[in-house]
Amino acid sequence: MYGTVARLQVKPGMESKLKEVSRTAEEAHIPGHVATYVYRMDSNPNEYYLAVIFTSKETYQANAESPEQDARYREMLALLGQEPAWHDGEVIYAGVYTGQVGGASAG
């Protein structure tokens, strides 16, 4: 798997629009897209981190180079106070909590 982590400075009052843009991207069913996570920082409600995962570096790059992704990026950029800081790389571990603790169902 491959992906990116980005630090975003969202303009005040743009959180709901950011969620909308994120949902629109999800509904696009981008080939190779595995998951997207958006975090809002406790220390600054306008600071967010975006983590996006693809099946491979090739599917990630194909999306990054597509005109459709460029349009989505420009829509998101309008919500930000500055350009994001991107950090691309290979996913070397992905753990998923299944609700199972010691063989028993949690909760």
N, C-alpha and C. Protein backbone atom coordinates (compact mmCIF):
# COMPACT_ATOMS: atom_id res chain seq x y z
N MET A 1 0.85 -1.18 0.00
CA MET A 1 0.00 0.00 0.00
C MET A 1 0.89 1.24 0.00
N TYR A 2 0.30 2.35 -0.41
CA TYR A 2 1.03 3.59 -0.55
C TYR A 2 0.08 4.74 -0.27
N GLY A 3 0.61 5.87 0.18
CA GLY A 3 -0.28 7.00 0.43
C GLY A 3 0.43 8.26 0.81
N THR A 4 -0.34 9.14 1.40
CA THR A 4 0.19 10.44 1.79
C THR A 4 -0.44 10.89 3.09
N VAL A 5 0.31 11.73 3.79
CA VAL A 5 -0.19 12.41 4.98
C VAL A 5 0.05 13.90 4.72
N ALA A 6 -0.96 14.70 5.00
CA ALA A 6 -0.84 16.13 4.73
C ALA A 6 -1.31 16.92 5.93
N ARG A 7 -0.62 18.01 6.18
CA ARG A 7 -1.03 18.97 7.22
C ARG A 7 -1.81 20.07 6.52
N LEU A 8 -3.02 20.33 7.02
CA LEU A 8 -3.92 21.32 6.42
C LEU A 8 -4.24 22.41 7.44
N GLN A 9 -4.23 23.64 6.99
CA GLN A 9 -4.72 24.77 7.80
C GLN A 9 -6.03 25.21 7.15
N VAL A 10 -7.14 24.81 7.76
CA VAL A 10 -8.46 25.08 7.21
C VAL A 10 -8.92 26.46 7.67
N LYS A 11 -9.47 27.22 6.73
CA LYS A 11 -9.99 28.54 7.07
C LYS A 11 -11.12 28.39 8.08
N PRO A 12 -11.22 29.31 9.04
CA PRO A 12 -12.31 29.23 10.03
C PRO A 12 -13.67 29.15 9.34
N GLY A 13 -14.51 28.26 9.86
CA GLY A 13 -15.86 28.10 9.33
C GLY A 13 -15.97 27.19 8.12
N MET A 14 -14.86 26.57 7.69
CA MET A 14 -14.87 25.75 6.47
C MET A 14 -14.89 24.25 6.75
N GLU A 15 -15.04 23.84 8.01
CA GLU A 15 -15.01 22.42 8.35
C GLU A 15 -16.10 21.64 7.63
N SER A 16 -17.32 22.13 7.62
CA SER A 16 -18.40 21.39 6.98
C SER A 16 -18.17 21.26 5.48
N LYS A 17 -17.61 22.29 4.87
CA LYS A 17 -17.29 22.24 3.43
C LYS A 17 -16.17 21.22 3.18
N LEU A 18 -15.18 21.15 4.09
CA LEU A 18 -14.12 20.16 3.96
C LEU A 18 -14.70 18.75 4.02
N LYS A 19 -15.64 18.51 4.93
CA LYS A 19 -16.30 17.20 5.01
C LYS A 19 -17.04 16.90 3.72
N GLU A 20 -17.70 17.89 3.16
CA GLU A 20 -18.44 17.73 1.91
C GLU A 20 -17.50 17.36 0.76
N VAL A 21 -16.39 18.07 0.66
CA VAL A 21 -15.40 17.78 -0.39
C VAL A 21 -14.84 16.36 -0.19
N SER A 22 -14.61 15.96 1.04
CA SER A 22 -14.10 14.62 1.32
C SER A 22 -15.11 13.56 0.92
N ARG A 23 -16.39 13.78 1.20
CA ARG A 23 -17.44 12.83 0.82
C ARG A 23 -17.55 12.73 -0.71
N THR A 24 -17.43 13.85 -1.39
CA THR A 24 -17.49 13.86 -2.85
C THR A 24 -16.37 13.01 -3.44
N ALA A 25 -15.17 13.12 -2.88
CA ALA A 25 -14.04 12.31 -3.35
C ALA A 25 -14.31 10.83 -3.10
N GLU A 26 -14.87 10.50 -1.94
CA GLU A 26 -15.18 9.11 -1.61
C GLU A 26 -16.20 8.54 -2.59
N GLU A 27 -17.19 9.32 -2.94
CA GLU A 27 -18.23 8.87 -3.86
C GLU A 27 -17.73 8.71 -5.29
N ALA A 28 -16.55 9.25 -5.59
CA ALA A 28 -15.98 9.13 -6.94
C ALA A 28 -15.46 7.72 -7.22
N HIS A 29 -15.31 6.90 -6.19
CA HIS A 29 -14.81 5.53 -6.33
C HIS A 29 -13.52 5.51 -7.15
N ILE A 30 -12.53 6.19 -6.63
CA ILE A 30 -11.23 6.33 -7.30
C ILE A 30 -10.52 4.97 -7.31
N PRO A 31 -10.10 4.51 -8.49
CA PRO A 31 -9.41 3.22 -8.56
C PRO A 31 -8.20 3.16 -7.63
N GLY A 32 -8.13 2.08 -6.85
CA GLY A 32 -7.01 1.88 -5.95
C GLY A 32 -7.14 2.55 -4.59
N HIS A 33 -8.13 3.42 -4.41
CA HIS A 33 -8.31 4.12 -3.13
C HIS A 33 -8.77 3.13 -2.07
N VAL A 34 -8.08 3.11 -0.95
CA VAL A 34 -8.40 2.20 0.15
C VAL A 34 -9.12 2.93 1.27
N ALA A 35 -8.56 4.06 1.71
CA ALA A 35 -9.13 4.77 2.86
C ALA A 35 -8.65 6.20 2.91
N THR A 36 -9.47 7.04 3.55
CA THR A 36 -9.10 8.42 3.84
C THR A 36 -9.49 8.71 5.29
N TYR A 37 -8.58 9.33 6.02
CA TYR A 37 -8.84 9.75 7.39
C TYR A 37 -8.50 11.23 7.50
N VAL A 38 -9.38 11.98 8.16
CA VAL A 38 -9.13 13.40 8.39
C VAL A 38 -9.22 13.62 9.90
N TYR A 39 -8.15 14.19 10.46
CA TYR A 39 -8.07 14.45 11.90
C TYR A 39 -8.11 15.96 12.14
N ARG A 40 -8.88 16.37 13.14
CA ARG A 40 -8.84 17.77 13.59
C ARG A 40 -8.06 17.77 14.90
N MET A 41 -7.08 18.66 15.00
CA MET A 41 -6.22 18.69 16.17
C MET A 41 -6.90 19.34 17.36
N ASP A 42 -6.72 18.76 18.53
CA ASP A 42 -7.25 19.34 19.76
C ASP A 42 -6.62 20.70 20.05
N SER A 43 -5.35 20.83 19.75
CA SER A 43 -4.61 22.05 20.09
C SER A 43 -4.95 23.24 19.19
N ASN A 44 -5.52 22.98 18.02
CA ASN A 44 -5.88 24.05 17.09
C ASN A 44 -7.02 23.56 16.21
N PRO A 45 -8.24 24.04 16.40
CA PRO A 45 -9.39 23.53 15.64
C PRO A 45 -9.34 23.83 14.14
N ASN A 46 -8.39 24.65 13.69
CA ASN A 46 -8.25 24.91 12.25
C ASN A 46 -7.11 24.10 11.62
N GLU A 47 -6.43 23.29 12.43
CA GLU A 47 -5.35 22.46 11.93
C GLU A 47 -5.85 21.03 11.78
N TYR A 48 -5.64 20.47 10.59
CA TYR A 48 -6.10 19.12 10.28
C TYR A 48 -4.94 18.32 9.69
N TYR A 49 -5.04 17.02 9.83
CA TYR A 49 -4.14 16.11 9.14
C TYR A 49 -4.99 15.15 8.32
N LEU A 50 -4.57 14.96 7.08
CA LEU A 50 -5.26 14.11 6.13
C LEU A 50 -4.36 12.93 5.84
N ALA A 51 -4.89 11.72 5.95
CA ALA A 51 -4.14 10.51 5.59
C ALA A 51 -4.95 9.77 4.53
N VAL A 52 -4.31 9.48 3.40
CA VAL A 52 -4.97 8.81 2.28
C VAL A 52 -4.15 7.58 1.92
N ILE A 53 -4.83 6.44 1.72
CA ILE A 53 -4.16 5.18 1.41
C ILE A 53 -4.68 4.62 0.09
N PHE A 54 -3.73 4.17 -0.74
CA PHE A 54 -4.04 3.51 -2.01
C PHE A 54 -3.44 2.12 -2.01
N THR A 55 -3.89 1.28 -2.93
CA THR A 55 -3.40 -0.10 -3.00
C THR A 55 -1.94 -0.17 -3.41
N SER A 56 -1.47 0.83 -4.18
CA SER A 56 -0.08 0.81 -4.65
C SER A 56 0.38 2.22 -5.00
N LYS A 57 1.69 2.36 -5.16
CA LYS A 57 2.24 3.64 -5.57
C LYS A 57 1.72 4.01 -6.96
N GLU A 58 1.54 3.02 -7.81
CA GLU A 58 1.06 3.27 -9.17
C GLU A 58 -0.36 3.82 -9.18
N THR A 59 -1.25 3.26 -8.37
CA THR A 59 -2.63 3.78 -8.33
C THR A 59 -2.67 5.16 -7.69
N TYR A 60 -1.80 5.38 -6.69
CA TYR A 60 -1.70 6.70 -6.06
C TYR A 60 -1.26 7.74 -7.09
N GLN A 61 -0.21 7.43 -7.83
CA GLN A 61 0.32 8.38 -8.81
C GLN A 61 -0.66 8.61 -9.95
N ALA A 62 -1.35 7.56 -10.39
CA ALA A 62 -2.34 7.73 -11.45
C ALA A 62 -3.44 8.68 -11.01
N ASN A 63 -3.87 8.56 -9.77
CA ASN A 63 -4.89 9.49 -9.26
C ASN A 63 -4.32 10.90 -9.16
N ALA A 64 -3.12 11.02 -8.61
CA ALA A 64 -2.50 12.35 -8.43
C ALA A 64 -2.33 13.08 -9.75
N GLU A 65 -2.12 12.36 -10.83
CA GLU A 65 -1.89 12.96 -12.14
C GLU A 65 -3.17 13.16 -12.95
N SER A 66 -4.31 12.74 -12.41
CA SER A 66 -5.56 12.82 -13.18
C SER A 66 -6.18 14.22 -13.11
N PRO A 67 -6.85 14.65 -14.18
CA PRO A 67 -7.54 15.94 -14.18
C PRO A 67 -8.65 16.00 -13.11
N GLU A 68 -9.28 14.85 -12.85
CA GLU A 68 -10.34 14.81 -11.84
C GLU A 68 -9.80 15.11 -10.45
N GLN A 69 -8.62 14.55 -10.14
CA GLN A 69 -8.00 14.82 -8.84
C GLN A 69 -7.53 16.26 -8.75
N ASP A 70 -7.04 16.79 -9.85
CA ASP A 70 -6.63 18.20 -9.86
C ASP A 70 -7.82 19.09 -9.52
N ALA A 71 -8.99 18.79 -10.08
CA ALA A 71 -10.20 19.58 -9.79
C ALA A 71 -10.59 19.44 -8.31
N ARG A 72 -10.52 18.21 -7.77
CA ARG A 72 -10.84 18.01 -6.35
C ARG A 72 -9.85 18.76 -5.48
N TYR A 73 -8.56 18.72 -5.84
CA TYR A 73 -7.53 19.42 -5.07
C TYR A 73 -7.78 20.91 -5.06
N ARG A 74 -8.11 21.48 -6.20
CA ARG A 74 -8.36 22.93 -6.28
C ARG A 74 -9.58 23.33 -5.46
N GLU A 75 -10.58 22.46 -5.41
CA GLU A 75 -11.76 22.72 -4.58
C GLU A 75 -11.38 22.73 -3.10
N MET A 76 -10.55 21.77 -2.69
CA MET A 76 -10.10 21.72 -1.30
C MET A 76 -9.19 22.91 -0.98
N LEU A 77 -8.31 23.26 -1.91
CA LEU A 77 -7.37 24.34 -1.69
C LEU A 77 -8.08 25.66 -1.38
N ALA A 78 -9.25 25.87 -1.96
CA ALA A 78 -10.02 27.09 -1.70
C ALA A 78 -10.47 27.19 -0.24
N LEU A 79 -10.47 26.07 0.48
CA LEU A 79 -10.90 26.04 1.88
C LEU A 79 -9.74 26.25 2.85
N LEU A 80 -8.53 26.32 2.32
CA LEU A 80 -7.33 26.34 3.16
C LEU A 80 -6.69 27.72 3.21
N GLY A 81 -6.01 27.99 4.30
CA GLY A 81 -5.29 29.24 4.46
C GLY A 81 -3.93 29.23 3.79
N GLN A 82 -3.43 28.04 3.45
CA GLN A 82 -2.13 27.89 2.78
C GLN A 82 -2.09 26.53 2.12
N GLU A 83 -1.11 26.33 1.25
CA GLU A 83 -0.95 25.03 0.58
C GLU A 83 -0.62 23.97 1.62
N PRO A 84 -1.15 22.76 1.45
CA PRO A 84 -0.82 21.67 2.38
C PRO A 84 0.64 21.27 2.28
N ALA A 85 1.15 20.70 3.36
CA ALA A 85 2.47 20.08 3.36
C ALA A 85 2.24 18.58 3.18
N TRP A 86 2.68 18.02 2.04
CA TRP A 86 2.44 16.62 1.69
C TRP A 86 3.64 15.75 2.05
N HIS A 87 3.36 14.55 2.52
CA HIS A 87 4.40 13.59 2.88
C HIS A 87 3.97 12.23 2.34
N ASP A 88 4.50 11.85 1.17
CA ASP A 88 4.14 10.60 0.51
C ASP A 88 5.04 9.47 0.97
N GLY A 89 4.49 8.23 0.96
CA GLY A 89 5.33 7.09 1.30
C GLY A 89 4.59 5.78 1.31
N GLU A 90 5.37 4.73 1.44
CA GLU A 90 4.84 3.38 1.50
C GLU A 90 4.25 3.11 2.88
N VAL A 91 3.10 2.48 2.91
CA VAL A 91 2.48 2.06 4.17
C VAL A 91 3.16 0.75 4.56
N ILE A 92 3.85 0.75 5.69
CA ILE A 92 4.57 -0.46 6.10
C ILE A 92 3.80 -1.26 7.15
N TYR A 93 2.76 -0.68 7.71
CA TYR A 93 1.91 -1.40 8.67
C TYR A 93 0.54 -0.77 8.70
N ALA A 94 -0.47 -1.59 8.71
CA ALA A 94 -1.85 -1.12 8.87
C ALA A 94 -2.57 -2.11 9.78
N GLY A 95 -2.95 -1.67 10.94
CA GLY A 95 -3.68 -2.51 11.87
C GLY A 95 -5.12 -2.05 11.95
N VAL A 96 -6.03 -2.99 12.03
CA VAL A 96 -7.45 -2.66 12.11
C VAL A 96 -8.03 -3.36 13.32
N TYR A 97 -8.63 -2.60 14.20
CA TYR A 97 -9.27 -3.16 15.38
C TYR A 97 -10.57 -3.82 14.97
N THR A 98 -10.72 -5.07 15.29
CA THR A 98 -11.91 -5.83 14.86
C THR A 98 -12.95 -5.97 15.96
N GLY A 99 -12.67 -5.44 17.13
CA GLY A 99 -13.61 -5.59 18.24
C GLY A 99 -13.36 -6.85 19.05
N GLN A 100 -12.37 -7.63 18.67
CA GLN A 100 -12.04 -8.86 19.37
C GLN A 100 -10.89 -8.63 20.34
N VAL A 101 -11.11 -8.92 21.60
CA VAL A 101 -10.06 -8.80 22.61
C VAL A 101 -9.94 -10.16 23.27
N GLY A 102 -8.77 -10.77 23.11
CA GLY A 102 -8.54 -12.07 23.75
C GLY A 102 -9.56 -13.13 23.34
N GLY A 103 -10.04 -13.05 22.11
CA GLY A 103 -10.98 -14.03 21.61
C GLY A 103 -12.43 -13.74 21.98
N ALA A 104 -12.67 -12.73 22.80
CA ALA A 104 -14.04 -12.38 23.18
C ALA A 104 -14.43 -11.08 22.54
N SER A 105 -15.69 -10.91 22.26
CA SER A 105 -16.19 -9.69 21.65
C SER A 105 -16.12 -8.54 22.65
N ALA A 106 -15.56 -7.43 22.21
CA ALA A 106 -15.47 -6.25 23.09
C ALA A 106 -16.78 -5.50 23.05
N GLY A 107 -17.23 -5.12 24.20
CA GLY A 107 -18.37 -4.24 24.29
C GLY A 107 -19.65 -4.90 24.13
